[in-house]
PDB file of N, CA and C in Angstrom:
ATOM      1  N   MET A   1      22.058  50.505  -6.974  1.00  0.00           N
ATOM      2  CA  MET A   1      23.443  49.647  -7.846  1.00  0.00           C
ATOM      3  C   MET A   1      23.413  50.890  -8.606  1.00  0.00           C
ATOM      4  N   SER A   2      24.910  51.232  -8.471  1.00  0.00           N
ATOM      5  CA  SER A   2      24.874  52.367  -9.861  1.00  0.00           C
ATOM      6  C   SER A   2      25.542  51.947 -10.869  1.00  0.00           C
ATOM      7  N   GLY A   3      25.032  52.572 -11.985  1.00  0.00           N
ATOM      8  CA  GLY A   3      25.085  52.022 -13.776  1.00  0.00           C
ATOM      9  C   GLY A   3      26.397  50.981 -13.225  1.00  0.00           C
ATOM     10  N   PHE A   4      27.693  51.498 -13.277  1.00  0.00           N
ATOM     11  CA  PHE A   4      28.600  50.437 -13.104  1.00  0.00           C
ATOM     12  C   PHE A   4      28.756  49.059 -13.041  1.00  0.00           C
ATOM     13  N   SER A   5      28.341  49.509 -12.186  1.00  0.00           N
ATOM     14  CA  SER A   5      28.225  47.854 -10.676  1.00  0.00           C
ATOM     15  C   SER A   5      26.774  47.255 -11.949  1.00  0.00           C
ATOM     16  N   ALA A   6      26.195  47.254 -12.665  1.00  0.00           N
ATOM     17  CA  ALA A   6      24.623  47.166 -13.169  1.00  0.00           C
ATOM     18  C   ALA A   6      25.826  46.586 -14.200  1.00  0.00           C
ATOM     19  N   VAL A   7      26.611  47.298 -14.867  1.00  0.00           N
ATOM     20  CA  VAL A   7      27.281  47.061 -15.961  1.00  0.00           C
ATOM     21  C   VAL A   7      27.853  45.703 -15.755  1.00  0.00           C
ATOM     22  N   ALA A   8      28.746  45.644 -14.738  1.00  0.00           N
ATOM     23  CA  ALA A   8      30.034  45.013 -14.216  1.00  0.00           C
ATOM     24  C   ALA A   8      29.560  43.721 -14.326  1.00  0.00           C
ATOM     25  N   ALA A   9      27.828  43.215 -13.284  1.00  0.00           N
ATOM     26  CA  ALA A   9      26.886  42.417 -13.497  1.00  0.00           C
ATOM     27  C   ALA A   9      26.546  41.801 -14.722  1.00  0.00           C
ATOM     28  N   LEU A  10      26.077  42.513 -15.320  1.00  0.00           N
ATOM     29  CA  LEU A  10      25.481  41.647 -16.512  1.00  0.00           C
ATOM     30  C   LEU A  10      26.841  41.407 -17.273  1.00  0.00           C
ATOM     31  N   PHE A  11      27.920  42.217 -17.981  1.00  0.00           N
ATOM     32  CA  PHE A  11      29.193  41.656 -18.161  1.00  0.00           C
ATOM     33  C   PHE A  11      29.590  39.889 -17.331  1.00  0.00           C
ATOM     34  N   GLY A  12      29.464  40.043 -16.190  1.00  0.00           N
ATOM     35  CA  GLY A  12      29.863  38.593 -15.671  1.00  0.00           C
ATOM     36  C   GLY A  12      29.071  38.097 -15.611  1.00  0.00           C
ATOM     37  N   LEU A  13      27.621  38.130 -15.866  1.00  0.00           N
ATOM     38  CA  LEU A  13      26.376  37.071 -16.386  1.00  0.00           C
ATOM     39  C   LEU A  13      26.529  36.379 -17.919  1.00  0.00           C
ATOM     40  N   ALA A  14      27.019  37.923 -18.470  1.00  0.00           N
ATOM     41  CA  ALA A  14      27.411  36.982 -19.830  1.00  0.00           C
ATOM     42  C   ALA A  14      28.392  36.063 -20.411  1.00  0.00           C
ATOM     43  N   VAL A  15      29.222  36.505 -19.259  1.00  0.00           N
ATOM     44  CA  VAL A  15      30.555  35.568 -19.332  1.00  0.00           C
ATOM     45  C   VAL A  15      30.657  34.286 -18.891  1.00  0.00           C
ATOM     46  N   VAL A  16      29.885  34.457 -17.746  1.00  0.00           N
ATOM     47  CA  VAL A  16      29.115  33.147 -16.926  1.00  0.00           C
ATOM     48  C   VAL A  16      28.733  31.873 -17.797  1.00  0.00           C
ATOM     49  N   ILE A  17      27.911  32.533 -18.915  1.00  0.00           N
ATOM     50  CA  ILE A  17      26.679  31.714 -20.063  1.00  0.00           C
ATOM     51  C   ILE A  17      27.827  31.445 -21.034  1.00  0.00           C
ATOM     52  N   ALA A  18      28.474  32.830 -21.516  1.00  0.00           N
ATOM     53  CA  ALA A  18      29.261  31.670 -22.701  1.00  0.00           C
ATOM     54  C   ALA A  18      29.877  30.837 -22.279  1.00  0.00           C
ATOM     55  N   ALA A  19      31.061  30.919 -21.255  1.00  0.00           N
ATOM     56  CA  ALA A  19      31.636  30.157 -20.433  1.00  0.00           C
ATOM     57  C   ALA A  19      30.393  28.631 -20.425  1.00  0.00           C
ATOM     58  N   GLY A  20      29.368  28.886 -19.788  1.00  0.00           N
ATOM     59  CA  GLY A  20      28.803  27.449 -19.667  1.00  0.00           C
ATOM     60  C   GLY A  20      28.246  26.463 -20.913  1.00  0.00           C
ATOM     61  N   THR A  21      28.178  27.497 -21.801  1.00  0.00           N
ATOM     62  CA  THR A  21      27.922  27.332 -23.218  1.00  0.00           C
ATOM     63  C   THR A  21      28.314  26.647 -24.186  1.00  0.00           C
ATOM     64  N   TYR A  22      29.367  26.648 -24.166  1.00  0.00           N
ATOM     65  CA  TYR A  22      30.805  26.415 -24.590  1.00  0.00           C
ATOM     66  C   TYR A  22      31.235  25.025 -23.125  1.00  0.00           C
ATOM     67  N   GLY A  23      30.823  25.300 -22.263  1.00  0.00           N
ATOM     68  CA  GLY A  23      31.139  23.866 -21.615  1.00  0.00           C
ATOM     69  C   GLY A  23      30.591  22.478 -21.844  1.00  0.00           C
ATOM     70  N   LEU A  24      29.206  23.474 -21.672  1.00  0.00           N
ATOM     71  CA  LEU A  24      27.947  22.170 -22.579  1.00  0.00           C
ATOM     72  C   LEU A  24      28.588  21.354 -23.557  1.00  0.00           C
ATOM     73  N   ALA A  25      28.812  22.402 -24.340  1.00  0.00           N
ATOM     74  CA  ALA A  25      28.712  21.706 -25.915  1.00  0.00           C
ATOM     75  C   ALA A  25      30.785  20.956 -26.249  1.00  0.00           C
ATOM     76  N   ARG A  26      31.526  20.823 -25.078  1.00  0.00           N
ATOM     77  CA  ARG A  26      32.805  19.862 -25.216  1.00  0.00           C
ATOM     78  C   ARG A  26      32.118  18.647 -24.195  1.00  0.00           C
ATOM     79  N   LEU A  27      31.559  19.245 -23.115  1.00  0.00           N
ATOM     80  CA  LEU A  27      30.813  17.720 -22.938  1.00  0.00           C
ATOM     81  C   LEU A  27      29.800  16.825 -23.363  1.00  0.00           C
ATOM     82  N   VAL A  28      28.914  17.425 -24.000  1.00  0.00           N
ATOM     83  CA  VAL A  28      28.190  16.780 -25.386  1.00  0.00           C
ATOM     84  C   VAL A  28      28.532  16.215 -26.627  1.00  0.00           C
ATOM     85  N   THR A  29      29.817  16.611 -27.250  1.00  0.00           N
ATOM     86  CA  THR A  29      30.406  16.778 -28.069  1.00  0.00           C
ATOM     87  C   THR A  29      31.262  15.472 -28.528  1.00  0.00           C
ATOM     88  N   VAL A  30      30.647  15.035 -29.479  1.00  0.00           N
ATOM     89  CA  VAL A  30      31.259  13.282 -30.255  1.00  0.00           C
ATOM     90  C   VAL A  30      32.430  13.705 -31.268  1.00  0.00           C
ATOM     91  N   ALA A  31      33.937  13.340 -30.927  1.00  0.00           N
ATOM     92  CA  ALA A  31      35.010  13.534 -31.272  1.00  0.00           C
ATOM     93  C   ALA A  31      34.931  13.160 -32.787  1.00  0.00           C
ATOM     94  N   PRO A  32      35.440  13.453 -34.073  1.00  0.00           N
ATOM     95  CA  PRO A  32      35.456  13.201 -35.173  1.00  0.00           C
ATOM     96  C   PRO A  32      35.975  12.226 -35.496  1.00  0.00           C
ATOM     97  N   PRO A  33      36.030  11.250 -36.561  1.00  0.00           N
ATOM     98  CA  PRO A  33      37.054  10.609 -36.766  1.00  0.00           C
ATOM     99  C   PRO A  33      38.524  11.764 -37.530  1.00  0.00           C
ATOM    100  N   ALA A  34      39.476  10.713 -37.556  1.00  0.00           N
ATOM    101  CA  ALA A  34      40.944  11.252 -37.355  1.00  0.00           C
ATOM    102  C   ALA A  34      40.770  11.716 -39.278  1.00  0.00           C
ATOM    103  N   THR A  35      40.176  10.875 -39.830  1.00  0.00           N
ATOM    104  CA  THR A  35      40.073  11.657 -41.596  1.00  0.00           C
ATOM    105  C   THR A  35      39.698  12.437 -42.031  1.00  0.00           C
ATOM    106  N   ASP A  36      38.461  13.195 -41.063  1.00  0.00           N
ATOM    107  CA  ASP A  36      37.359  14.821 -40.912  1.00  0.00           C
ATOM    108  C   ASP A  36      38.223  15.578 -40.576  1.00  0.00           C
ATOM    109  N   LEU A  37      38.916  15.124 -39.889  1.00  0.00           N
ATOM    110  CA  LEU A  37      40.276  16.606 -39.181  1.00  0.00           C
ATOM    111  C   LEU A  37      40.975  17.033 -40.439  1.00  0.00           C
ATOM    112  N   GLY A  38      41.237  17.110 -41.674  1.00  0.00           N
ATOM    113  CA  GLY A  38      41.740  17.780 -42.501  1.00  0.00           C
ATOM    114  C   GLY A  38      40.934  18.987 -42.931  1.00  0.00           C
ATOM    115  N   PRO A  39      42.246  20.254 -43.400  1.00  0.00           N
ATOM    116  CA  PRO A  39      40.983  21.262 -43.700  1.00  0.00           C
ATOM    117  C   PRO A  39      40.558  21.331 -44.664  1.00  0.00           C
ATOM    118  N   PHE A  40      40.231  20.204 -45.531  1.00  0.00           N
ATOM    119  CA  PHE A  40      39.641  20.269 -46.926  1.00  0.00           C
ATOM    120  C   PHE A  40      39.229  18.955 -47.347  1.00  0.00           C
ATOM    121  N   LEU A  41      38.595  18.703 -47.629  1.00  0.00           N
ATOM    122  CA  LEU A  41      38.557  17.212 -48.701  1.00  0.00           C
ATOM    123  C   LEU A  41      38.373  16.235 -48.052  1.00  0.00           C
ATOM    124  N   SER A  42      37.348  16.496 -46.611  1.00  0.00           N
ATOM    125  CA  SER A  42      36.960  15.556 -46.488  1.00  0.00           C
ATOM    126  C   SER A  42      38.911  14.860 -45.764  1.00  0.00           C
ATOM    127  N   GLY A  43      39.493  15.130 -45.137  1.00  0.00           N
ATOM    128  CA  GLY A  43      40.793  14.810 -44.509  1.00  0.00           C
ATOM    129  C   GLY A  43      41.496  14.725 -45.657  1.00  0.00           C
ATOM    130  N   HIS A  44      41.875  14.479 -47.139  1.00  0.00           N
ATOM    131  CA  HIS A  44      42.573  13.854 -47.900  1.00  0.00           C
ATOM    132  C   HIS A  44      44.108  14.830 -48.064  1.00  0.00           C
ATOM    133  N   GLU A  45      44.782  14.471 -48.007  1.00  0.00           N
ATOM    134  CA  GLU A  45      46.640  16.086 -48.404  1.00  0.00           C
ATOM    135  C   GLU A  45      46.312  16.541 -49.040  1.00  0.00           C
ATOM    136  N   PRO A  46      46.584  17.780 -48.929  1.00  0.00           N
ATOM    137  CA  PRO A  46      46.404  18.754 -50.120  1.00  0.00           C
ATOM    138  C   PRO A  46      47.277  18.603 -50.865  1.00  0.00           C
ATOM    139  N   VAL A  47      46.825  19.189 -52.893  1.00  0.00           N
ATOM    140  CA  VAL A  47      47.675  19.184 -53.750  1.00  0.00           C
ATOM    141  C   VAL A  47      49.056  20.538 -53.699  1.00  0.00           C
ATOM    142  N   GLU A  48      48.087  21.392 -52.848  1.00  0.00           N
ATOM    143  CA  GLU A  48      48.854  22.792 -53.183  1.00  0.00           C
ATOM    144  C   GLU A  48      49.308  23.279 -51.865  1.00  0.00           C
ATOM    145  N   HIS A  49      49.598  23.912 -51.289  1.00  0.00           N
ATOM    146  CA  HIS A  49      49.428  25.165 -49.973  1.00  0.00           C
ATOM    147  C   HIS A  49      48.592  26.365 -50.336  1.00  0.00           C
ATOM    148  N   ALA A  50      48.565  26.208 -49.121  1.00  0.00           N
ATOM    149  CA  ALA A  50      47.230  27.153 -48.988  1.00  0.00           C
ATOM    150  C   ALA A  50      47.012  28.384 -49.271  1.00  0.00           C
ATOM    151  N   VAL A  51      48.553  28.924 -49.388  1.00  0.00           N
ATOM    152  CA  VAL A  51      48.913  30.412 -50.278  1.00  0.00           C
ATOM    153  C   VAL A  51      49.504  30.559 -51.199  1.00  0.00           C
ATOM    154  N   SER A  52      49.597  29.180 -52.175  1.00  0.00           N
ATOM    155  CA  SER A  52      49.681  29.042 -53.501  1.00  0.00           C
ATOM    156  C   SER A  52      49.219  30.240 -54.507  1.00  0.00           C
ATOM    157  N   ARG A  53      49.921  30.323 -56.112  1.00  0.00           N
ATOM    158  CA  ARG A  53      49.891  31.941 -56.067  1.00  0.00           C
ATOM    159  C   ARG A  53      48.557  31.375 -57.255  1.00  0.00           C
ATOM    160  N   PHE A  54      47.632  32.301 -58.070  1.00  0.00           N
ATOM    161  CA  PHE A  54      47.053  31.704 -58.626  1.00  0.00           C
ATOM    162  C   PHE A  54      47.783  32.607 -59.676  1.00  0.00           C
ATOM    163  N   HIS A  55      46.657  31.835 -61.162  1.00  0.00           N
ATOM    164  CA  HIS A  55      47.226  32.310 -62.091  1.00  0.00           C
ATOM    165  C   HIS A  55      46.487  33.712 -62.539  1.00  0.00           C
ATOM    166  N   VAL A  56      47.127  34.778 -63.266  1.00  0.00           N
ATOM    167  CA  VAL A  56      47.178  36.098 -63.113  1.00  0.00           C
ATOM    168  C   VAL A  56      45.380  36.765 -64.004  1.00  0.00           C
ATOM    169  N   ARG A  57      45.121  35.457 -65.313  1.00  0.00           N
ATOM    170  CA  ARG A  57      43.775  35.108 -65.139  1.00  0.00           C
ATOM    171  C   ARG A  57      42.697  35.725 -64.271  1.00  0.00           C
ATOM    172  N   TRP A  58      43.049  35.015 -63.187  1.00  0.00           N
ATOM    173  CA  TRP A  58      41.268  34.828 -62.295  1.00  0.00           C
ATOM    174  C   TRP A  58      41.004  35.901 -61.474  1.00  0.00           C
ATOM    175  N   TYR A  59      42.221  37.112 -61.515  1.00  0.00           N
ATOM    176  CA  TYR A  59      42.415  37.869 -61.077  1.00  0.00           C
ATOM    177  C   TYR A  59      41.050  38.813 -61.958  1.00  0.00           C
ATOM    178  N   THR A  60      41.628  39.113 -63.358  1.00  0.00           N
ATOM    179  CA  THR A  60      40.490  39.609 -64.166  1.00  0.00           C
ATOM    180  C   THR A  60      38.939  39.289 -63.811  1.00  0.00           C
ATOM    181  N   LEU A  61      39.237  38.631 -64.246  1.00  0.00           N
ATOM    182  CA  LEU A  61      37.723  37.680 -63.979  1.00  0.00           C
ATOM    183  C   LEU A  61      36.889  37.705 -62.514  1.00  0.00           C
ATOM    184  N   THR A  62      37.778  38.102 -61.468  1.00  0.00           N
ATOM    185  CA  THR A  62      37.070  38.447 -60.776  1.00  0.00           C
ATOM    186  C   THR A  62      36.795  39.264 -60.446  1.00  0.00           C
ATOM    187  N   MET A  63      37.380  40.603 -61.371  1.00  0.00           N
ATOM    188  CA  MET A  63      36.919  42.001 -62.141  1.00  0.00           C
ATOM    189  C   MET A  63      35.966  42.357 -62.203  1.00  0.00           C
ATOM    190  N   ILE A  64      35.761  41.607 -63.379  1.00  0.00           N
ATOM    191  CA  ILE A  64      34.734  41.397 -63.917  1.00  0.00           C
ATOM    192  C   ILE A  64      33.221  40.876 -63.289  1.00  0.00           C
ATOM    193  N   TYR A  65      33.456  39.573 -62.185  1.00  0.00           N
ATOM    194  CA  TYR A  65      32.390  39.193 -61.647  1.00  0.00           C
ATOM    195  C   TYR A  65      31.596  40.178 -60.352  1.00  0.00           C
ATOM    196  N   LEU A  66      33.097  41.021 -60.158  1.00  0.00           N
ATOM    197  CA  LEU A  66      32.880  42.377 -58.683  1.00  0.00           C
ATOM    198  C   LEU A  66      31.855  43.120 -59.453  1.00  0.00           C
ATOM    199  N   ALA A  67      32.086  43.768 -60.648  1.00  0.00           N
ATOM    200  CA  ALA A  67      31.610  45.023 -60.925  1.00  0.00           C
ATOM    201  C   ALA A  67      30.168  44.667 -61.550  1.00  0.00           C
ATOM    202  N   PHE A  68      29.905  43.027 -61.514  1.00  0.00           N
ATOM    203  CA  PHE A  68      28.490  42.650 -62.248  1.00  0.00           C
ATOM    204  C   PHE A  68      27.862  42.669 -60.798  1.00  0.00           C
ATOM    205  N   GLU A  69      28.538  42.369 -59.793  1.00  0.00           N
ATOM    206  CA  GLU A  69      28.161  41.810 -58.666  1.00  0.00           C
ATOM    207  C   GLU A  69      27.659  43.739 -58.005  1.00  0.00           C
ATOM    208  N   MET A  70      28.849  44.606 -58.342  1.00  0.00           N
ATOM    209  CA  MET A  70      27.691  45.977 -58.328  1.00  0.00           C
ATOM    210  C   MET A  70      26.830  46.361 -57.966  1.00  0.00           C
ATOM    211  N   GLU A  71      26.904  46.109 -59.771  1.00  0.00           N
ATOM    212  CA  GLU A  71      25.957  46.138 -60.936  1.00  0.00           C
ATOM    213  C   GLU A  71      24.531  46.294 -59.897  1.00  0.00           C
ATOM    214  N   MET A  72      24.439  45.072 -60.071  1.00  0.00           N
ATOM    215  CA  MET A  72      23.485  44.415 -58.939  1.00  0.00           C
ATOM    216  C   MET A  72      22.930  45.030 -57.206  1.00  0.00           C
ATOM    217  N   LEU A  73      23.813  45.116 -56.800  1.00  0.00           N
ATOM    218  CA  LEU A  73      23.882  45.037 -55.517  1.00  0.00           C
ATOM    219  C   LEU A  73      23.372  47.053 -55.349  1.00  0.00           C
ATOM    220  N   PHE A  74      23.560  47.668 -56.388  1.00  0.00           N
ATOM    221  CA  PHE A  74      23.551  49.344 -56.294  1.00  0.00           C
ATOM    222  C   PHE A  74      21.752  49.252 -57.459  1.00  0.00           C
ATOM    223  N   MET A  75      21.603  48.265 -58.071  1.00  0.00           N
ATOM    224  CA  MET A  75      20.510  48.197 -58.721  1.00  0.00           C
ATOM    225  C   MET A  75      19.046  47.787 -58.102  1.00  0.00           C
ATOM    226  N   TYR A  76      19.341  47.079 -56.896  1.00  0.00           N
ATOM    227  CA  TYR A  76      17.762  46.428 -56.772  1.00  0.00           C
ATOM    228  C   TYR A  76      17.010  48.057 -55.654  1.00  0.00           C
ATOM    229  N   PRO A  77      18.091  48.255 -55.092  1.00  0.00           N
ATOM    230  CA  PRO A  77      17.774  49.435 -53.899  1.00  0.00           C
ATOM    231  C   PRO A  77      16.927  50.566 -54.922  1.00  0.00           C
ATOM    232  N   TRP A  78      17.462  50.751 -56.290  1.00  0.00           N
ATOM    233  CA  TRP A  78      17.421  52.075 -56.851  1.00  0.00           C
ATOM    234  C   TRP A  78      16.316  51.764 -56.953  1.00  0.00           C
ATOM    235  N   THR A  79      15.814  49.871 -57.818  1.00  0.00           N
ATOM    236  CA  THR A  79      14.463  50.110 -57.737  1.00  0.00           C
ATOM    237  C   THR A  79      13.444  50.260 -57.599  1.00  0.00           C
ATOM    238  N   LEU A  80      13.798  50.686 -56.212  1.00  0.00           N
ATOM    239  CA  LEU A  80      12.446  50.997 -54.772  1.00  0.00           C
ATOM    240  C   LEU A  80      12.444  52.233 -55.129  1.00  0.00           C
ATOM    241  N   VAL A  81      13.169  53.004 -54.952  1.00  0.00           N
ATOM    242  CA  VAL A  81      13.319  54.572 -54.343  1.00  0.00           C
ATOM    243  C   VAL A  81      13.431  55.257 -55.669  1.00  0.00           C
ATOM    244  N   VAL A  82      13.500  54.956 -57.348  1.00  0.00           N
ATOM    245  CA  VAL A  82      13.475  55.931 -58.492  1.00  0.00           C
ATOM    246  C   VAL A  82      12.087  55.699 -58.542  1.00  0.00           C
ATOM    247  N   SER A  83      10.799  55.978 -58.223  1.00  0.00           N
ATOM    248  CA  SER A  83      10.054  56.889 -58.861  1.00  0.00           C
ATOM    249  C   SER A  83      10.040  58.075 -57.980  1.00  0.00           C
ATOM    250  N   SER A  84      10.546  58.268 -56.705  1.00  0.00           N
ATOM    251  CA  SER A  84      10.033  59.170 -55.703  1.00  0.00           C
ATOM    252  C   SER A  84      11.267  60.275 -55.633  1.00  0.00           C
ATOM    253  N   ALA A  85      12.348  59.026 -56.293  1.00  0.00           N
ATOM    254  CA  ALA A  85      13.951  59.943 -56.357  1.00  0.00           C
ATOM    255  C   ALA A  85      14.301  61.256 -57.839  1.00  0.00           C
ATOM    256  N   GLY A  86      13.091  60.561 -58.740  1.00  0.00           N
ATOM    257  CA  GLY A  86      13.181  61.320 -59.618  1.00  0.00           C
ATOM    258  C   GLY A  86      13.738  60.892 -60.967  1.00  0.00           C
ATOM    259  N   ALA A  87      14.178  62.184 -61.563  1.00  0.00           N
ATOM    260  CA  ALA A  87      14.768  62.293 -62.988  1.00  0.00           C
ATOM    261  C   ALA A  87      16.524  62.346 -62.699  1.00  0.00           C
ATOM    262  N   GLY A  88      16.852  62.342 -61.442  1.00  0.00           N
ATOM    263  CA  GLY A  88      18.423  62.897 -61.059  1.00  0.00           C
ATOM    264  C   GLY A  88      18.344  61.376 -60.819  1.00  0.00           C
ATOM    265  N   ALA A  89      17.802  60.527 -59.941  1.00  0.00           N
ATOM    266  CA  ALA A  89      18.083  58.759 -59.658  1.00  0.00           C
ATOM    267  C   ALA A  89      18.454  58.221 -61.032  1.00  0.00           C
ATOM    268  N   VAL A  90      18.103  58.763 -61.730  1.00  0.00           N
ATOM    269  CA  VAL A  90      18.033  57.904 -63.213  1.00  0.00           C
ATOM    270  C   VAL A  90      18.981  58.287 -63.975  1.00  0.00           C
ATOM    271  N   ILE A  91      19.389  59.739 -63.879  1.00  0.00           N
ATOM    272  CA  ILE A  91      20.777  59.982 -64.445  1.00  0.00           C
ATOM    273  C   ILE A  91      21.818  59.483 -63.657  1.00  0.00           C
ATOM    274  N   GLU A  92      21.823  59.343 -62.517  1.00  0.00           N
ATOM    275  CA  GLU A  92      23.050  58.639 -61.948  1.00  0.00           C
ATOM    276  C   GLU A  92      22.812  57.204 -61.887  1.00  0.00           C
ATOM    277  N   MET A  93      22.147  56.542 -61.643  1.00  0.00           N
ATOM    278  CA  MET A  93      21.894  55.455 -62.943  1.00  0.00           C
ATOM    279  C   MET A  93      22.700  54.831 -64.018  1.00  0.00           C
ATOM    280  N   PHE A  94      22.167  56.183 -65.123  1.00  0.00           N
ATOM    281  CA  PHE A  94      22.662  55.805 -66.061  1.00  0.00           C
ATOM    282  C   PHE A  94      24.665  56.103 -66.330  1.00  0.00           C
ATOM    283  N   VAL A  95      25.111  57.250 -65.503  1.00  0.00           N
ATOM    284  CA  VAL A  95      26.680  57.301 -65.479  1.00  0.00           C
ATOM    285  C   VAL A  95      27.154  55.990 -64.697  1.00  0.00           C
ATOM    286  N   PHE A  96      26.248  55.418 -63.538  1.00  0.00           N
ATOM    287  CA  PHE A  96      27.084  53.709 -62.748  1.00  0.00           C
ATOM    288  C   PHE A  96      27.172  53.461 -64.008  1.00  0.00           C
ATOM    289  N   LEU A  97      25.984  52.878 -64.488  1.00  0.00           N
ATOM    290  CA  LEU A  97      26.147  51.509 -65.298  1.00  0.00           C
ATOM    291  C   LEU A  97      27.153  52.228 -66.645  1.00  0.00           C
ATOM    292  N   GLY A  98      27.309  53.501 -66.899  1.00  0.00           N
ATOM    293  CA  GLY A  98      28.102  53.494 -68.525  1.00  0.00           C
ATOM    294  C   GLY A  98      29.968  53.675 -67.649  1.00  0.00           C
ATOM    295  N   ILE A  99      29.638  53.336 -66.205  1.00  0.00           N
ATOM    296  CA  ILE A  99      31.003  53.334 -65.912  1.00  0.00           C
ATOM    297  C   ILE A  99      31.308  52.064 -65.850  1.00  0.00           C
ATOM    298  N   LEU A 100      30.635  51.096 -65.138  1.00  0.00           N
ATOM    299  CA  LEU A 100      30.799  50.071 -65.179  1.00  0.00           C
ATOM    300  C   LEU A 100      30.762  49.298 -66.994  1.00  0.00           C
ATOM    301  N   LEU A 101      30.084  49.562 -67.474  1.00  0.00           N
ATOM    302  CA  LEU A 101      30.350  49.167 -69.307  1.00  0.00           C
ATOM    303  C   LEU A 101      31.733  49.735 -69.487  1.00  0.00           C
ATOM    304  N   ALA A 102      32.547  50.472 -69.351  1.00  0.00           N
ATOM    305  CA  ALA A 102      33.405  51.037 -69.821  1.00  0.00           C
ATOM    306  C   ALA A 102      34.622  49.983 -68.861  1.00  0.00           C
ATOM    307  N   GLY A 103      34.617  49.768 -67.863  1.00  0.00           N
ATOM    308  CA  GLY A 103      35.351  48.575 -66.928  1.00  0.00           C
ATOM    309  C   GLY A 103      35.625  47.322 -67.600  1.00  0.00           C
ATOM    310  N   VAL A 104      34.018  47.049 -68.208  1.00  0.00           N
ATOM    311  CA  VAL A 104      33.620  45.839 -68.985  1.00  0.00           C
ATOM    312  C   VAL A 104      34.504  45.626 -70.403  1.00  0.00           C
ATOM    313  N   THR A 105      34.209  46.444 -70.989  1.00  0.00           N
ATOM    314  CA  THR A 105      35.122  46.799 -72.779  1.00  0.00           C
ATOM    315  C   THR A 105      35.943  46.622 -72.856  1.00  0.00           C
ATOM    316  N   TYR A 106      36.994  47.758 -71.120  1.00  0.00           N
ATOM    317  CA  TYR A 106      38.059  47.188 -71.228  1.00  0.00           C
ATOM    318  C   TYR A 106      38.635  45.852 -71.079  1.00  0.00           C
ATOM    319  N   ALA A 107      38.116  45.929 -70.198  1.00  0.00           N
ATOM    320  CA  ALA A 107      38.242  43.912 -69.863  1.00  0.00           C
ATOM    321  C   ALA A 107      38.496  43.342 -71.465  1.00  0.00           C
ATOM    322  N   TRP A 108      37.015  43.211 -71.961  1.00  0.00           N
ATOM    323  CA  TRP A 108      36.641  43.241 -73.313  1.00  0.00           C
ATOM    324  C   TRP A 108      37.917  42.777 -74.143  1.00  0.00           C
ATOM    325  N   ARG A 109      38.411  43.843 -74.545  1.00  0.00           N
ATOM    326  CA  ARG A 109      39.655  45.261 -75.347  1.00  0.00           C
ATOM    327  C   ARG A 109      40.633  43.694 -74.625  1.00  0.00           C
ATOM    328  N   GLU A 110      41.209  43.382 -73.629  1.00  0.00           N
ATOM    329  CA  GLU A 110      42.123  42.926 -72.793  1.00  0.00           C
ATOM    330  C   GLU A 110      42.444  41.529 -73.699  1.00  0.00           C
ATOM    331  N   GLY A 111      41.196  40.624 -73.581  1.00  0.00           N
ATOM    332  CA  GLY A 111      41.172  39.200 -73.083  1.00  0.00           C
ATOM    333  C   GLY A 111      40.664  38.414 -72.016  1.00  0.00           C
ATOM    334  N   ALA A 112      39.988  39.335 -71.535  1.00  0.00           N
ATOM    335  CA  ALA A 112      39.729  38.600 -70.247  1.00  0.00           C
ATOM    336  C   ALA A 112      38.377  37.913 -70.109  1.00  0.00           C
ATOM    337  N   LEU A 113      37.456  38.266 -71.220  1.00  0.00           N
ATOM    338  CA  LEU A 113      36.337  37.149 -71.437  1.00  0.00           C
ATOM    339  C   LEU A 113      36.954  36.048 -72.242  1.00  0.00           C
ATOM    340  N   ARG A 114      38.007  35.749 -72.982  1.00  0.00           N
ATOM    341  CA  ARG A 114      38.199  34.809 -74.075  1.00  0.00           C
ATOM    342  C   ARG A 114      38.690  33.608 -72.412  1.00  0.00           C
ATOM    343  N   TRP A 115      37.986  32.483 -73.169  1.00  0.00           N
ATOM    344  CA  TRP A 115      38.070  31.102 -71.884  1.00  0.00           C
ATOM    345  C   TRP A 115      39.137  30.628 -72.479  1.00  0.00           C
ATOM    346  N   ALA A 116      39.789  30.392 -73.835  1.00  0.00           N
ATOM    347  CA  ALA A 116      41.159  29.623 -74.311  1.00  0.00           C
ATOM    348  C   ALA A 116      42.264  29.810 -74.351  1.00  0.00           C
TER     349      ALA A 116
END
């Protein structure tokens, strides 16, 4: 059996298994009630359109959230390797935290953290 025919046979087997799994799921699935077929809210009619506009305040809060998430995303692996990386890693982390602090300070100055 050549290399191409082995790959084709394996691909065909994968297609047959996937089609069989979907067919079996369709045979044994119980249909949900009509009230559960809506996109959300257990079938209730939506109040707004799905692509409605958000208030601009939410974008600034999203940016602050992402700043804190990026901080945690990079700080956890950093804590695992800081002892082997040396002083350069400490300096790089403080530069990174300084950039994030500048962004949060700007957001604070612009009033993004005011809730009322």
